[in-house]
Amino acid sequence: MVYQPSKQHLDQQIPEACKAINTILRELKKETGADDRFIAHVLEGLSRQWTPDLNRDGFGFR
């Protein structure tokens, strides 16, 4: 079944989640000195690891 976000999800939860992710990434950049390329690689790695049945914490970047 394809996910169909509700109006509330579109108006509230999804934008709030995106804002929170952006805030976390900006803090990571500030605290570590990481550049945009590194952040893009982290996001790429996370997206490759994301599967519907495997929502685990952590990330095997190294």
N, C-alpha and C. Protein backbone atom coordinates (compact mmCIF):
# COMPACT_ATOMS: atom_id res chain seq x y z
N MET A 1 0.84 -1.18 0.00
CA MET A 1 0.00 0.00 0.00
C MET A 1 0.88 1.24 0.00
N VAL A 2 0.60 2.16 -0.87
CA VAL A 2 1.37 3.39 -0.99
C VAL A 2 0.90 4.37 0.08
N TYR A 3 1.87 5.00 0.72
CA TYR A 3 1.55 5.96 1.78
C TYR A 3 0.92 7.21 1.19
N GLN A 4 -0.20 7.61 1.74
CA GLN A 4 -0.87 8.84 1.38
C GLN A 4 -0.92 9.72 2.62
N PRO A 5 -0.04 10.72 2.70
CA PRO A 5 -0.04 11.56 3.90
C PRO A 5 -1.34 12.34 4.05
N SER A 6 -1.73 12.47 5.29
CA SER A 6 -2.94 13.25 5.59
C SER A 6 -2.60 14.74 5.51
N LYS A 7 -3.61 15.57 5.51
CA LYS A 7 -3.39 17.01 5.51
C LYS A 7 -2.58 17.43 6.73
N GLN A 8 -2.88 16.83 7.89
CA GLN A 8 -2.14 17.16 9.10
C GLN A 8 -0.67 16.77 8.94
N HIS A 9 -0.42 15.60 8.36
CA HIS A 9 0.97 15.20 8.13
C HIS A 9 1.68 16.18 7.21
N LEU A 10 1.00 16.59 6.13
CA LEU A 10 1.59 17.52 5.18
C LEU A 10 1.78 18.91 5.77
N ASP A 11 0.85 19.31 6.61
CA ASP A 11 0.90 20.65 7.19
C ASP A 11 1.76 20.74 8.44
N GLN A 12 1.94 19.63 9.15
CA GLN A 12 2.60 19.71 10.45
C GLN A 12 3.75 18.73 10.61
N GLN A 13 3.47 17.44 10.68
CA GLN A 13 4.51 16.47 11.04
C GLN A 13 5.66 16.42 10.05
N ILE A 14 5.36 16.38 8.76
CA ILE A 14 6.44 16.27 7.77
C ILE A 14 7.32 17.51 7.76
N PRO A 15 6.75 18.72 7.70
CA PRO A 15 7.63 19.90 7.76
C PRO A 15 8.42 20.00 9.07
N GLU A 16 7.81 19.61 10.18
CA GLU A 16 8.52 19.64 11.47
C GLU A 16 9.67 18.65 11.47
N ALA A 17 9.46 17.47 10.91
CA ALA A 17 10.52 16.47 10.84
C ALA A 17 11.67 16.98 9.97
N CYS A 18 11.36 17.56 8.83
CA CYS A 18 12.39 18.10 7.95
C CYS A 18 13.17 19.23 8.63
N LYS A 19 12.47 20.08 9.34
CA LYS A 19 13.12 21.17 10.07
C LYS A 19 14.05 20.61 11.15
N ALA A 20 13.59 19.59 11.87
CA ALA A 20 14.42 18.98 12.91
C ALA A 20 15.67 18.33 12.31
N ILE A 21 15.52 17.64 11.19
CA ILE A 21 16.67 17.02 10.54
C ILE A 21 17.67 18.08 10.10
N ASN A 22 17.17 19.16 9.51
CA ASN A 22 18.06 20.25 9.09
C ASN A 22 18.80 20.86 10.28
N THR A 23 18.10 21.04 11.39
CA THR A 23 18.72 21.59 12.59
C THR A 23 19.83 20.68 13.09
N ILE A 24 19.56 19.39 13.13
CA ILE A 24 20.57 18.42 13.58
C ILE A 24 21.80 18.46 12.66
N LEU A 25 21.57 18.51 11.35
CA LEU A 25 22.69 18.53 10.41
C LEU A 25 23.50 19.83 10.53
N ARG A 26 22.82 20.95 10.72
CA ARG A 26 23.54 22.22 10.91
C ARG A 26 24.39 22.19 12.18
N GLU A 27 23.85 21.62 13.25
CA GLU A 27 24.61 21.49 14.50
C GLU A 27 25.80 20.57 14.31
N LEU A 28 25.62 19.48 13.59
CA LEU A 28 26.73 18.56 13.31
C LEU A 28 27.83 19.28 12.54
N LYS A 29 27.44 20.03 11.52
CA LYS A 29 28.43 20.79 10.75
C LYS A 29 29.18 21.78 11.63
N LYS A 30 28.45 22.50 12.46
CA LYS A 30 29.05 23.51 13.32
C LYS A 30 30.00 22.89 14.34
N GLU A 31 29.57 21.80 14.96
CA GLU A 31 30.36 21.18 16.02
C GLU A 31 31.58 20.41 15.50
N THR A 32 31.48 19.88 14.29
CA THR A 32 32.55 19.04 13.77
C THR A 32 33.37 19.68 12.68
N GLY A 33 32.84 20.73 12.07
CA GLY A 33 33.53 21.34 10.94
C GLY A 33 33.30 20.58 9.64
N ALA A 34 32.34 19.67 9.64
CA ALA A 34 32.03 18.91 8.43
C ALA A 34 31.54 19.85 7.33
N ASP A 35 31.88 19.51 6.09
CA ASP A 35 31.41 20.33 4.98
C ASP A 35 30.14 19.72 4.38
N ASP A 36 29.55 20.45 3.43
CA ASP A 36 28.31 20.00 2.83
C ASP A 36 28.47 18.65 2.12
N ARG A 37 29.62 18.43 1.52
CA ARG A 37 29.86 17.16 0.82
C ARG A 37 29.79 15.99 1.80
N PHE A 38 30.40 16.16 2.98
CA PHE A 38 30.35 15.10 3.99
C PHE A 38 28.92 14.84 4.44
N ILE A 39 28.17 15.90 4.70
CA ILE A 39 26.78 15.76 5.13
C ILE A 39 25.98 15.04 4.05
N ALA A 40 26.22 15.37 2.78
CA ALA A 40 25.53 14.70 1.68
C ALA A 40 25.85 13.21 1.66
N HIS A 41 27.09 12.86 1.94
CA HIS A 41 27.48 11.44 1.99
C HIS A 41 26.78 10.73 3.15
N VAL A 42 26.68 11.39 4.27
CA VAL A 42 25.97 10.79 5.42
C VAL A 42 24.51 10.54 5.04
N LEU A 43 23.86 11.52 4.44
CA LEU A 43 22.47 11.36 4.05
C LEU A 43 22.30 10.27 3.00
N GLU A 44 23.23 10.20 2.07
CA GLU A 44 23.19 9.15 1.06
C GLU A 44 23.30 7.77 1.70
N GLY A 45 24.23 7.64 2.63
CA GLY A 45 24.39 6.36 3.33
C GLY A 45 23.16 5.98 4.12
N LEU A 46 22.56 6.95 4.79
CA LEU A 46 21.34 6.67 5.54
C LEU A 46 20.21 6.23 4.62
N SER A 47 20.08 6.90 3.49
CA SER A 47 18.99 6.55 2.58
C SER A 47 19.19 5.16 1.98
N ARG A 48 20.44 4.77 1.76
CA ARG A 48 20.70 3.43 1.23
C ARG A 48 20.40 2.35 2.27
N GLN A 49 20.59 2.67 3.54
CA GLN A 49 20.35 1.69 4.60
C GLN A 49 18.89 1.61 5.01
N TRP A 50 18.09 2.57 4.62
CA TRP A 50 16.70 2.62 5.04
C TRP A 50 15.90 1.57 4.30
N THR A 51 15.26 0.70 5.03
CA THR A 51 14.35 -0.28 4.45
C THR A 51 13.12 -0.33 5.35
N PRO A 52 11.98 -0.69 4.80
CA PRO A 52 10.76 -0.71 5.60
C PRO A 52 10.85 -1.59 6.85
N ASP A 53 11.60 -2.67 6.79
CA ASP A 53 11.66 -3.57 7.93
C ASP A 53 12.92 -3.40 8.77
N LEU A 54 13.72 -2.39 8.50
CA LEU A 54 14.97 -2.22 9.22
C LEU A 54 15.15 -0.75 9.60
N ASN A 55 14.46 -0.31 10.62
CA ASN A 55 14.55 1.06 11.11
C ASN A 55 15.41 1.08 12.35
N ARG A 56 16.69 0.91 12.17
CA ARG A 56 17.58 0.79 13.32
C ARG A 56 18.26 2.12 13.63
N ASP A 57 18.65 2.25 14.85
CA ASP A 57 19.45 3.40 15.26
C ASP A 57 20.88 3.12 14.89
N GLY A 58 21.64 4.17 14.76
CA GLY A 58 23.03 4.01 14.43
C GLY A 58 23.24 3.94 12.94
N PHE A 59 24.50 3.88 12.58
CA PHE A 59 24.82 4.02 11.17
C PHE A 59 26.24 3.57 10.99
N GLY A 60 26.48 2.58 10.18
CA GLY A 60 27.83 2.04 9.98
C GLY A 60 28.61 2.82 8.96
N PHE A 61 28.94 4.06 9.28
CA PHE A 61 29.62 4.92 8.31
C PHE A 61 31.06 4.50 8.08
N ARG A 62 31.72 4.06 9.11
CA ARG A 62 33.14 3.71 8.97
C ARG A 62 33.31 2.29 8.55
